[in-house]
Amino acid sequence: MSVAIPRRLLFIDGEWREPVRHKRIPIINPATEEPIGEIPAATAEDVELAVAAARRALTRNRGKDWARTSGAARAKYLRAIAAKITERKSELAKLETLDCGKPLDEAAWDMDDVAGCFEYYADLAEALDGKQRAPVSLPMQTFKSYVLKEPIGVVGLITPWNYPLLMGVWKVAPALAAGCTAILKPSELASVTCLELADICKEVGLPPGVLNIVTGFGPEAGAPLVSHPHVDKIAFTGSTETGRRIMTAAAQTIKPVSLELGGKSPIIVFEDVDIEKAVEWSLFGCFWTNGQICSATSRLLVHESISKEFMERLVAWAKNIKISNPLEEGCRLGPVVSEGQYEKIKKFISTAKSEGATFLCGGGRPQHLEKGFFIEPTIITDVDTSMQIWRDEVFGPVLCIKTFSTEEEAVELANDTQFGLAGAVISKDPERCNRISEEIQAGIVWVNCSQPCFCQAPWGGNKRSGFGRELGEWGLDNYLSVKQVTEYISDEPWAWYPPPSKL
């Protein structure tokens, strides 16, 4: 089961490069708290090299090598990458688990999704060829017009640690499919598999500079990328506070941004449900990925008529979740990613206790695990809507519960948040589910489930959860610029100005 962490450098212009300042960051296994390797730490000098490489790749041979080649040609590379991901699935899943603490079964599932995402955007790259020069209907017969969809240019992609490779690929695959060249800056807390993606790109012969991968801290590597005048767009997934700083920096050069930020999503459970099914979806919606999901449905709203039975079953199910080293077979809850995150979650829990919330289960370290950043699945009730634990994103395995009596009250409680990424409703009444789906103020709504995600469907939020959409055709549009081309086709002169005298 053991797998060694490869010692990688930065990936710039198709080659491995030592960071200019020779800095490296230790990798800590969150299940053991032991160092298991290092990643390179890029600084502004490395970002400069990566952006220059991406710019050369974009314009090489007047763009014909990548940006202006056919979508079908780019698709071949995306499919070759997908095949290598599938070939190395077991190794990549283990590396992901060691790096971020994700249960191995989840990590393996993620690798399937990574390969699927590349395959999907290969299809869209090919389809893009047939959509070029789409005619525009005009009211004047003396003109004809069409639309070109062109790559937006050099893009900076900044991604989080909860789905290290998958979140990276949600951006990399559509960006490359569109013909952009890219610099990927993954989180310093989990970069190992993103560096392995670089190895795969090198293996399949992706043209130099098309994808560059620089690892490092946000202030030292991310900030120079965002503010760089030769980066044409930034796509970011992470915290709302960092998203705010990115918007401010990007505004200085008027570059577009797309942001997928924090969440505090509701799940509404009505009285007509199958309780066992609804309990499992409620747990899955909050505790999947060790509770570290921006879309986690961590505010559970239960109809008061079933609340007592529902909470009892919820606790019984939660206590049955296997918490262990994430490499162990059957693990369903591993450690959170880092000591810093661990301490942050413990502070949330401590504050909730001091404010008078009731803990139905969890709230501490599992007794059988002396090492690692483990937190028991935690279920809290008797919470007021003004409490920090109810309003702020915890990003850990912590579920809060409130009851409601009417549909109107449930919707009001669900929407009483600064976030708007996701929401869920569980009921056997289809008309009620349709009503709730329309009334929840979020970019994603799940009906009778929580957290399913498909690369064909749009992903993104409203309010302080950000703007723009990833995945699906919307994800490709993120990296395309629309150009209008209009031609005068009449043999007659325009005849707006009188011609000068020939005398």
Protein backbone atom coordinates (compact mmCIF):
# COMPACT_ATOMS: atom_id res chain seq x y z
CA MET A 1 0.00 0.00 0.00
CA SER A 2 2.95 2.34 0.54
CA VAL A 3 3.90 4.76 -2.22
CA ALA A 4 6.80 7.21 -2.21
CA ILE A 5 6.25 10.91 -2.81
CA PRO A 6 8.23 11.82 -5.96
CA ARG A 7 10.65 14.72 -5.60
CA ARG A 8 9.48 17.20 -8.21
CA LEU A 9 10.55 20.66 -9.40
CA LEU A 10 8.45 23.41 -10.95
CA PHE A 11 7.07 22.62 -14.43
CA ILE A 12 7.79 25.54 -16.76
CA ASP A 13 8.01 25.55 -20.57
CA GLY A 14 7.72 21.78 -20.73
CA GLU A 15 10.69 21.17 -18.42
CA TRP A 16 11.34 20.63 -14.72
CA ARG A 17 12.97 23.73 -13.20
CA GLU A 18 14.52 24.36 -9.83
CA PRO A 19 12.87 27.39 -8.16
CA VAL A 20 15.00 30.50 -8.65
CA ARG A 21 15.39 30.91 -4.89
CA HIS A 22 15.75 27.15 -4.26
CA LYS A 23 12.95 27.17 -1.68
CA ARG A 24 10.87 24.11 -0.78
CA ILE A 25 7.84 23.38 1.41
CA PRO A 26 7.49 20.25 3.57
CA ILE A 27 4.60 17.88 2.91
CA ILE A 28 2.91 16.75 6.14
CA ASN A 29 0.79 13.60 6.14
CA PRO A 30 -2.36 14.77 7.99
CA ALA A 31 -3.07 11.23 9.24
CA THR A 32 0.29 10.88 11.01
CA GLU A 33 1.53 14.49 11.35
CA GLU A 34 4.84 13.27 9.89
CA PRO A 35 6.78 14.90 7.03
CA ILE A 36 6.70 12.69 3.92
CA GLY A 37 8.33 14.86 1.26
CA GLU A 38 8.66 18.35 -0.15
CA ILE A 39 7.29 20.48 -2.95
CA PRO A 40 9.07 23.39 -4.68
CA ALA A 41 8.13 26.90 -3.52
CA ALA A 42 7.83 29.32 -6.42
CA THR A 43 8.29 33.07 -6.07
CA ALA A 44 7.66 36.02 -8.37
CA GLU A 45 10.77 35.22 -10.42
CA ASP A 46 9.42 31.73 -11.24
CA VAL A 47 5.98 33.13 -12.05
CA GLU A 48 7.65 35.53 -14.49
CA LEU A 49 9.29 32.59 -16.28
CA ALA A 50 6.02 30.61 -16.35
CA VAL A 51 4.00 33.51 -17.77
CA ALA A 52 6.64 34.15 -20.43
CA ALA A 53 6.54 30.46 -21.39
CA ALA A 54 2.75 30.49 -21.61
CA ARG A 55 2.82 33.66 -23.74
CA ARG A 56 5.32 32.09 -26.15
CA ALA A 57 3.21 28.95 -26.43
CA LEU A 58 0.12 31.04 -27.17
CA THR A 59 1.74 33.03 -29.98
CA ARG A 60 4.21 30.47 -31.38
CA ASN A 61 3.91 30.14 -35.16
CA ARG A 62 1.30 32.95 -35.08
CA GLY A 63 -0.79 30.81 -32.74
CA LYS A 64 -1.02 27.89 -35.15
CA ASP A 65 0.76 25.50 -32.78
CA TRP A 66 -1.94 25.74 -30.10
CA ALA A 67 -4.30 28.71 -29.81
CA ARG A 68 -5.38 28.69 -33.48
CA THR A 69 -4.97 25.02 -34.22
CA SER A 70 -8.13 22.93 -34.52
CA GLY A 71 -10.05 21.81 -31.48
CA ALA A 72 -9.64 18.27 -32.78
CA ALA A 73 -5.84 18.61 -32.58
CA ARG A 74 -6.04 19.81 -28.97
CA ALA A 75 -8.49 17.03 -28.16
CA LYS A 76 -5.87 14.40 -28.98
CA TYR A 77 -3.67 15.70 -26.18
CA LEU A 78 -6.56 15.83 -23.70
CA ARG A 79 -7.47 12.22 -24.48
CA ALA A 80 -3.86 11.12 -24.14
CA ILE A 81 -3.71 12.77 -20.70
CA ALA A 82 -6.99 11.07 -19.71
CA ALA A 83 -5.59 7.68 -20.70
CA LYS A 84 -2.47 8.22 -18.58
CA ILE A 85 -4.57 9.30 -15.59
CA THR A 86 -6.54 6.07 -15.88
CA GLU A 87 -3.35 4.06 -16.26
CA ARG A 88 -1.89 5.63 -13.09
CA LYS A 89 -5.16 5.77 -11.14
CA SER A 90 -4.07 3.60 -8.21
CA GLU A 91 -0.79 5.46 -7.67
CA LEU A 92 -2.41 8.89 -8.01
CA ALA A 93 -5.19 8.00 -5.58
CA LYS A 94 -2.65 6.91 -2.94
CA LEU A 95 -0.62 10.09 -3.42
CA GLU A 96 -3.79 12.17 -3.04
CA THR A 97 -4.69 10.36 0.17
CA LEU A 98 -1.23 10.77 1.67
CA ASP A 99 -1.17 14.46 0.75
CA CYS A 100 -4.58 15.68 1.89
CA GLY A 101 -6.10 12.91 4.05
CA LYS A 102 -8.94 12.02 1.70
CA PRO A 103 -10.22 8.43 2.19
CA LEU A 104 -8.65 6.23 -0.48
CA ASP A 105 -11.99 5.17 -1.98
CA GLU A 106 -12.88 8.85 -2.48
CA ALA A 107 -9.49 9.60 -3.99
CA ALA A 108 -9.91 6.74 -6.48
CA TRP A 109 -13.34 8.10 -7.40
CA ASP A 110 -11.75 11.52 -7.94
CA MET A 111 -9.22 10.05 -10.38
CA ASP A 112 -12.04 8.56 -12.44
CA ASP A 113 -13.61 12.03 -12.52
CA VAL A 114 -10.29 13.61 -13.53
CA ALA A 115 -9.98 11.30 -16.54
CA GLY A 116 -13.66 11.82 -17.38
CA CYS A 117 -13.24 15.59 -17.27
CA PHE A 118 -10.39 15.50 -19.79
CA GLU A 119 -12.42 13.21 -22.05
CA TYR A 120 -15.47 15.46 -21.82
CA TYR A 121 -13.56 18.61 -22.76
CA ALA A 122 -11.82 16.75 -25.57
CA ASP A 123 -15.30 16.21 -27.02
CA LEU A 124 -16.16 19.90 -26.57
CA ALA A 125 -12.87 20.95 -28.19
CA GLU A 126 -13.78 18.93 -31.27
CA ALA A 127 -17.31 20.32 -31.28
CA LEU A 128 -15.93 23.85 -31.12
CA ASP A 129 -14.58 23.50 -34.67
CA GLY A 130 -18.11 23.10 -36.01
CA LYS A 131 -19.36 26.18 -34.15
CA GLN A 132 -16.82 28.59 -35.60
CA ARG A 133 -18.01 31.25 -38.04
CA ALA A 134 -21.60 30.83 -36.89
CA PRO A 135 -23.61 33.31 -39.00
CA VAL A 136 -25.39 36.26 -37.42
CA SER A 137 -28.71 37.31 -38.96
CA LEU A 138 -28.58 40.97 -40.04
CA PRO A 139 -31.32 43.37 -41.20
CA MET A 140 -29.23 44.67 -44.14
CA GLN A 141 -28.52 42.44 -47.14
CA THR A 142 -25.35 44.36 -47.98
CA PHE A 143 -23.54 42.90 -44.97
CA LYS A 144 -22.81 39.44 -43.64
CA SER A 145 -21.57 38.68 -40.16
CA TYR A 146 -20.25 35.72 -38.24
CA VAL A 147 -18.81 34.95 -34.82
CA LEU A 148 -15.43 33.50 -33.91
CA LYS A 149 -14.81 31.91 -30.52
CA GLU A 150 -11.18 32.45 -29.61
CA PRO A 151 -9.09 31.54 -26.57
CA ILE A 152 -9.03 34.34 -24.05
CA GLY A 153 -5.24 34.03 -23.82
CA VAL A 154 -2.86 33.22 -20.98
CA VAL A 155 -4.84 32.17 -17.90
CA GLY A 156 -3.86 31.86 -14.25
CA LEU A 157 -5.58 28.98 -12.45
CA ILE A 158 -5.49 28.98 -8.64
CA THR A 159 -6.96 25.92 -6.98
CA PRO A 160 -7.69 24.54 -3.47
CA TRP A 161 -6.55 21.58 -1.41
CA ASN A 162 -9.78 19.65 -0.83
CA TYR A 163 -9.86 18.14 -4.34
CA PRO A 164 -6.26 18.84 -5.36
CA LEU A 165 -6.12 17.27 -8.81
CA LEU A 166 -9.82 17.31 -9.66
CA MET A 167 -10.29 21.03 -8.92
CA GLY A 168 -7.15 21.74 -10.93
CA VAL A 169 -8.49 19.78 -13.88
CA TRP A 170 -11.89 21.51 -13.71
CA LYS A 171 -9.91 24.54 -14.87
CA VAL A 172 -7.04 23.03 -16.85
CA ALA A 173 -9.17 20.83 -19.14
CA PRO A 174 -11.55 23.55 -20.43
CA ALA A 175 -8.76 26.13 -20.64
CA LEU A 176 -6.66 23.86 -22.86
CA ALA A 177 -9.71 22.75 -24.86
CA ALA A 178 -10.43 26.41 -25.62
CA GLY A 179 -6.87 26.98 -26.86
CA CYS A 180 -5.62 28.96 -23.88
CA THR A 181 -2.22 28.45 -22.34
CA ALA A 182 -2.13 28.23 -18.58
CA ILE A 183 -0.24 28.55 -15.32
CA LEU A 184 -1.70 26.32 -12.59
CA LYS A 185 -0.96 27.33 -8.99
CA PRO A 186 -2.33 24.62 -6.67
CA SER A 187 -2.61 25.02 -2.91
CA GLU A 188 0.63 24.68 -1.00
CA LEU A 189 -1.23 22.29 1.35
CA ALA A 190 -1.82 19.71 -1.41
CA SER A 191 0.12 19.92 -4.66
CA VAL A 192 1.55 16.44 -5.13
CA THR A 193 -0.89 15.10 -7.75
CA CYS A 194 -0.84 18.37 -9.69
CA LEU A 195 2.91 17.93 -10.11
CA GLU A 196 2.22 14.39 -11.32
CA LEU A 197 -0.11 15.91 -13.92
CA ALA A 198 2.93 17.83 -15.14
CA ASP A 199 4.80 14.54 -15.48
CA ILE A 200 1.91 13.14 -17.54
CA CYS A 201 1.84 16.23 -19.78
CA LYS A 202 5.55 15.79 -20.42
CA GLU A 203 5.03 12.11 -21.18
CA VAL A 204 2.29 12.71 -23.77
CA GLY A 205 4.27 15.49 -25.45
CA LEU A 206 2.05 18.46 -24.67
CA PRO A 207 3.72 21.41 -26.46
CA PRO A 208 6.11 23.36 -24.18
CA GLY A 209 4.53 26.20 -22.24
CA VAL A 210 0.92 25.19 -22.88
CA LEU A 211 0.54 24.13 -19.24
CA ASN A 212 2.93 25.36 -16.57
CA ILE A 213 2.63 24.28 -12.93
CA VAL A 214 4.09 26.40 -10.15
CA THR A 215 3.63 25.36 -6.54
CA GLY A 216 4.10 27.67 -3.59
CA PHE A 217 2.46 30.01 -1.10
CA GLY A 218 -0.29 32.41 -2.11
CA PRO A 219 1.53 35.68 -1.33
CA GLU A 220 4.74 34.53 -3.02
CA ALA A 221 3.37 32.73 -6.10
CA GLY A 222 -0.38 33.34 -6.34
CA ALA A 223 -0.31 37.12 -5.92
CA PRO A 224 2.31 37.75 -8.65
CA LEU A 225 0.28 35.55 -10.99
CA VAL A 226 -2.92 37.49 -10.35
CA SER A 227 -1.32 40.90 -10.84
CA HIS A 228 0.84 39.98 -13.84
CA PRO A 229 0.04 42.25 -16.82
CA HIS A 230 0.53 39.41 -19.32
CA VAL A 231 -2.03 37.12 -17.68
CA ASP A 232 -5.38 37.63 -19.42
CA LYS A 233 -7.73 35.95 -16.92
CA ILE A 234 -7.75 34.47 -13.42
CA ALA A 235 -9.91 31.52 -12.35
CA PHE A 236 -9.91 30.87 -8.61
CA THR A 237 -11.49 28.39 -6.22
CA GLY A 238 -11.03 29.03 -2.51
CA SER A 239 -12.09 31.25 0.34
CA THR A 240 -14.29 34.31 0.01
CA GLU A 241 -11.65 36.51 1.63
CA THR A 242 -8.95 35.44 -0.85
CA GLY A 243 -11.44 35.86 -3.69
CA ARG A 244 -11.98 39.45 -2.60
CA ARG A 245 -8.24 40.13 -2.73
CA ILE A 246 -7.97 38.52 -6.16
CA MET A 247 -10.78 40.71 -7.53
CA THR A 248 -9.03 43.82 -6.22
CA ALA A 249 -5.68 42.86 -7.74
CA ALA A 250 -7.15 41.77 -11.07
CA ALA A 251 -9.10 45.03 -11.33
CA GLN A 252 -5.84 46.96 -11.65
CA THR A 253 -5.27 45.49 -15.11
CA ILE A 254 -9.00 45.05 -15.95
CA LYS A 255 -8.66 41.29 -16.34
CA PRO A 256 -11.71 39.05 -15.98
CA VAL A 257 -11.99 36.68 -13.06
CA SER A 258 -14.22 33.72 -12.27
CA LEU A 259 -14.58 32.85 -8.60
CA GLU A 260 -15.91 29.76 -6.82
CA LEU A 261 -15.80 30.70 -3.16
CA GLY A 262 -17.16 29.65 0.22
CA GLY A 263 -20.53 28.26 1.15
CA LYS A 264 -22.89 27.49 4.02
CA SER A 265 -25.47 25.50 2.16
CA PRO A 266 -28.88 24.38 3.49
CA ILE A 267 -30.53 20.99 3.21
CA ILE A 268 -34.29 20.98 3.88
CA VAL A 269 -35.91 17.73 5.03
CA PHE A 270 -39.71 17.56 5.00
CA GLU A 271 -41.98 15.32 7.03
CA ASP A 272 -42.89 12.94 4.17
CA VAL A 273 -39.41 11.48 3.66
CA ASP A 274 -38.02 8.00 4.05
CA ILE A 275 -36.05 8.82 7.20
CA GLU A 276 -33.21 6.34 6.70
CA LYS A 277 -32.51 7.57 3.16
CA ALA A 278 -32.78 11.20 4.18
CA VAL A 279 -30.42 10.66 7.13
CA GLU A 280 -27.74 9.13 4.93
CA TRP A 281 -27.95 11.94 2.37
CA SER A 282 -27.80 14.51 5.17
CA LEU A 283 -24.61 12.93 6.51
CA PHE A 284 -23.07 12.48 3.07
CA GLY A 285 -23.83 16.10 2.20
CA CYS A 286 -21.74 17.35 5.12
CA PHE A 287 -19.16 14.65 5.95
CA TRP A 288 -18.03 13.62 2.44
CA THR A 289 -14.40 14.64 1.81
CA ASN A 290 -13.91 14.88 5.58
CA GLY A 291 -16.38 17.76 5.70
CA GLN A 292 -14.07 19.90 3.56
CA ILE A 293 -16.43 20.81 0.73
CA CYS A 294 -17.36 24.36 -0.27
CA SER A 295 -20.83 23.09 -1.21
CA ALA A 296 -21.32 21.11 2.05
CA THR A 297 -24.97 21.15 3.10
CA SER A 298 -23.92 21.88 6.67
CA ARG A 299 -27.15 23.67 7.73
CA LEU A 300 -29.77 20.96 8.18
CA LEU A 301 -33.39 22.12 8.40
CA VAL A 302 -35.76 19.37 9.59
CA HIS A 303 -39.53 19.54 9.87
CA GLU A 304 -40.44 19.68 13.56
CA SER A 305 -42.87 16.73 13.34
CA ILE A 306 -40.02 14.27 12.58
CA SER A 307 -37.13 16.10 14.22
CA LYS A 308 -36.80 13.89 17.32
CA GLU A 309 -36.68 10.61 15.40
CA PHE A 310 -34.53 12.15 12.66
CA MET A 311 -31.88 13.38 15.07
CA GLU A 312 -31.75 10.04 16.89
CA ARG A 313 -31.17 8.19 13.61
CA LEU A 314 -28.67 10.82 12.47
CA VAL A 315 -26.56 10.28 15.58
CA ALA A 316 -26.78 6.49 15.26
CA TRP A 317 -25.59 6.64 11.65
CA ALA A 318 -22.84 9.16 12.46
CA LYS A 319 -21.44 6.95 15.23
CA ASN A 320 -21.24 4.09 12.73
CA ILE A 321 -18.94 6.00 10.33
CA LYS A 322 -15.47 4.45 10.15
CA ILE A 323 -12.85 7.04 11.15
CA SER A 324 -9.32 5.83 10.47
CA ASN A 325 -6.11 6.28 8.58
CA PRO A 326 -7.53 7.10 5.13
CA LEU A 327 -5.49 4.32 3.50
CA GLU A 328 -7.38 1.70 5.55
CA GLU A 329 -10.04 -0.25 3.74
CA GLY A 330 -13.53 1.07 4.41
CA CYS A 331 -12.42 4.43 5.82
CA ARG A 332 -15.21 6.98 5.43
CA LEU A 333 -13.77 9.89 7.42
CA GLY A 334 -10.10 10.81 7.44
CA PRO A 335 -8.20 13.74 8.92
CA VAL A 336 -8.61 17.35 7.93
CA VAL A 337 -5.82 18.65 5.76
CA SER A 338 -3.49 20.48 8.15
CA GLU A 339 -2.82 21.52 11.71
CA GLY A 340 -3.95 25.05 10.92
CA GLN A 341 -7.30 23.80 9.62
CA TYR A 342 -7.61 21.45 12.59
CA GLU A 343 -7.13 24.29 15.09
CA LYS A 344 -9.56 26.51 13.18
CA ILE A 345 -12.31 23.88 13.36
CA LYS A 346 -11.67 23.25 17.06
CA LYS A 347 -12.08 26.98 17.67
CA PHE A 348 -15.44 26.95 15.87
CA ILE A 349 -16.54 24.05 18.07
CA SER A 350 -15.33 25.75 21.26
CA THR A 351 -17.19 28.95 20.39
CA ALA A 352 -20.40 27.02 19.69
CA LYS A 353 -20.17 25.36 23.11
CA SER A 354 -19.61 28.70 24.85
CA GLU A 355 -22.62 30.16 23.02
CA GLY A 356 -24.91 27.41 24.35
CA ALA A 357 -25.28 25.01 21.41
CA THR A 358 -26.07 21.36 22.20
CA PHE A 359 -23.73 18.68 20.86
CA LEU A 360 -25.58 15.51 19.93
CA CYS A 361 -22.33 13.75 19.07
CA GLY A 362 -18.69 14.45 18.23
CA GLY A 363 -16.85 17.67 18.86
CA GLY A 364 -13.47 16.17 19.69
CA ARG A 365 -10.71 13.80 18.63
CA PRO A 366 -11.67 10.13 18.14
CA GLN A 367 -10.41 8.24 21.19
CA HIS A 368 -8.72 5.50 19.16
CA LEU A 369 -6.56 7.93 17.16
CA GLU A 370 -3.78 9.63 19.10
CA LYS A 371 -2.08 11.16 16.06
CA GLY A 372 -3.36 13.00 13.01
CA PHE A 373 -5.71 15.91 12.46
CA PHE A 374 -8.88 13.88 13.11
CA ILE A 375 -12.19 15.34 14.23
CA GLU A 376 -15.21 13.18 15.03
CA PRO A 377 -18.33 13.71 12.92
CA THR A 378 -19.99 16.48 14.91
CA ILE A 379 -23.74 17.17 15.05
CA ILE A 380 -24.99 20.30 16.81
CA THR A 381 -28.49 21.53 17.64
CA ASP A 382 -30.05 24.33 19.70
CA VAL A 383 -28.29 26.83 17.46
CA ASP A 384 -29.43 30.39 17.00
CA THR A 385 -29.22 31.91 13.52
CA SER A 386 -26.86 34.56 14.89
CA MET A 387 -24.29 31.98 16.05
CA GLN A 388 -20.96 31.79 14.24
CA ILE A 389 -21.30 28.03 13.77
CA TRP A 390 -24.57 28.56 11.85
CA ARG A 391 -23.45 31.53 9.73
CA ASP A 392 -19.77 30.94 8.87
CA GLU A 393 -18.13 28.24 6.79
CA VAL A 394 -16.40 25.70 9.06
CA PHE A 395 -14.88 23.49 6.35
CA GLY A 396 -14.86 20.43 8.57
CA PRO A 397 -17.17 17.56 9.63
CA VAL A 398 -19.62 19.74 11.55
CA LEU A 399 -23.38 19.63 10.91
CA CYS A 400 -25.83 22.12 12.50
CA ILE A 401 -29.58 21.46 12.86
CA LYS A 402 -32.64 23.68 13.16
CA THR A 403 -36.29 22.73 12.93
CA PHE A 404 -39.08 24.42 10.98
CA SER A 405 -42.87 24.20 10.89
CA THR A 406 -43.84 25.57 7.45
CA GLU A 407 -42.44 25.57 3.95
CA GLU A 408 -42.20 29.36 4.02
CA GLU A 409 -40.16 29.26 7.23
CA ALA A 410 -37.82 26.64 5.74
CA VAL A 411 -37.14 28.76 2.64
CA GLU A 412 -36.56 31.87 4.75
CA LEU A 413 -34.05 30.04 6.97
CA ALA A 414 -32.35 28.49 3.93
CA ASN A 415 -31.83 31.85 2.24
CA ASP A 416 -30.76 33.70 5.38
CA THR A 417 -27.06 33.53 4.51
CA GLN A 418 -24.41 35.61 2.78
CA PHE A 419 -23.51 32.58 0.65
CA GLY A 420 -25.29 31.05 -2.32
CA LEU A 421 -23.36 28.09 -3.67
CA ALA A 422 -25.72 25.15 -3.17
CA GLY A 423 -28.83 23.85 -1.46
CA ALA A 424 -30.83 20.63 -1.21
CA VAL A 425 -34.41 19.58 -0.60
CA ILE A 426 -35.64 16.12 0.40
CA SER A 427 -39.32 15.33 -0.01
CA LYS A 428 -41.59 12.85 -1.78
CA ASP A 429 -43.71 15.73 -3.16
CA PRO A 430 -42.41 16.63 -6.66
CA GLU A 431 -44.30 19.92 -6.82
CA ARG A 432 -42.88 21.00 -3.46
CA CYS A 433 -39.37 20.08 -4.63
CA ASN A 434 -39.84 22.18 -7.77
CA ARG A 435 -41.03 25.16 -5.73
CA ILE A 436 -38.12 24.92 -3.31
CA SER A 437 -35.61 24.49 -6.16
CA GLU A 438 -36.78 27.77 -7.65
CA GLU A 439 -36.84 29.63 -4.32
CA ILE A 440 -33.44 28.59 -2.93
CA GLN A 441 -30.98 31.37 -3.74
CA ALA A 442 -28.06 29.28 -4.95
CA GLY A 443 -26.28 28.24 -8.13
CA ILE A 444 -26.81 24.51 -7.49
CA VAL A 445 -29.84 22.72 -6.03
CA TRP A 446 -30.06 19.01 -5.33
CA VAL A 447 -33.37 17.17 -5.01
CA ASN A 448 -33.54 14.06 -2.80
CA CYS A 449 -29.73 13.91 -2.60
CA SER A 450 -26.70 16.07 -1.79
CA GLN A 451 -23.31 16.60 -3.47
CA PRO A 452 -23.60 14.70 -6.77
CA CYS A 453 -21.40 16.44 -9.32
CA PHE A 454 -21.11 15.74 -13.04
CA CYS A 455 -18.71 17.44 -15.42
CA GLN A 456 -21.57 17.94 -17.90
CA ALA A 457 -23.57 20.21 -15.54
CA PRO A 458 -22.71 23.82 -14.54
CA TRP A 459 -21.10 24.49 -11.17
CA GLY A 460 -20.91 27.83 -9.37
CA GLY A 461 -22.64 30.14 -6.94
CA ASN A 462 -24.30 33.45 -6.20
CA LYS A 463 -23.83 36.12 -3.53
CA ARG A 464 -20.52 35.72 -1.65
CA SER A 465 -20.04 32.27 -3.10
CA GLY A 466 -18.70 33.91 -6.24
CA PHE A 467 -19.71 34.19 -9.89
CA GLY A 468 -19.08 32.45 -13.17
CA ARG A 469 -19.73 28.79 -13.89
CA GLU A 470 -17.38 25.85 -14.24
CA LEU A 471 -18.03 22.50 -15.91
CA GLY A 472 -20.31 21.76 -18.82
CA GLU A 473 -20.30 24.03 -21.86
CA TRP A 474 -20.29 26.95 -19.41
CA GLY A 475 -16.85 25.88 -18.24
CA LEU A 476 -15.51 26.09 -21.79
CA ASP A 477 -17.12 29.51 -22.28
CA ASN A 478 -15.07 30.72 -19.29
CA TYR A 479 -11.96 30.58 -21.46
CA LEU A 480 -13.34 31.82 -24.77
CA SER A 481 -13.59 35.33 -26.16
CA VAL A 482 -16.29 36.12 -28.71
CA LYS A 483 -15.24 38.06 -31.82
CA GLN A 484 -17.66 39.57 -34.30
CA VAL A 485 -16.53 39.65 -37.96
CA THR A 486 -18.72 41.70 -40.32
CA GLU A 487 -18.14 42.10 -44.06
CA TYR A 488 -19.60 44.53 -46.59
CA ILE A 489 -20.57 42.38 -49.59
CA SER A 490 -22.25 44.84 -51.99
CA ASP A 491 -20.60 45.95 -55.24
CA GLU A 492 -22.17 49.37 -54.73
CA PRO A 493 -20.28 52.18 -52.98
CA TRP A 494 -21.40 53.09 -49.47
CA ALA A 495 -22.37 56.56 -50.70
CA TRP A 496 -22.63 58.31 -47.35
CA TYR A 497 -20.39 61.23 -48.33
CA PRO A 498 -20.73 63.07 -51.63
CA PRO A 499 -17.74 62.35 -53.86
CA PRO A 500 -15.33 65.23 -54.44
CA SER A 501 -15.47 67.07 -57.74
CA LYS A 502 -13.35 65.57 -60.52
CA LEU A 503 -12.49 69.04 -61.85
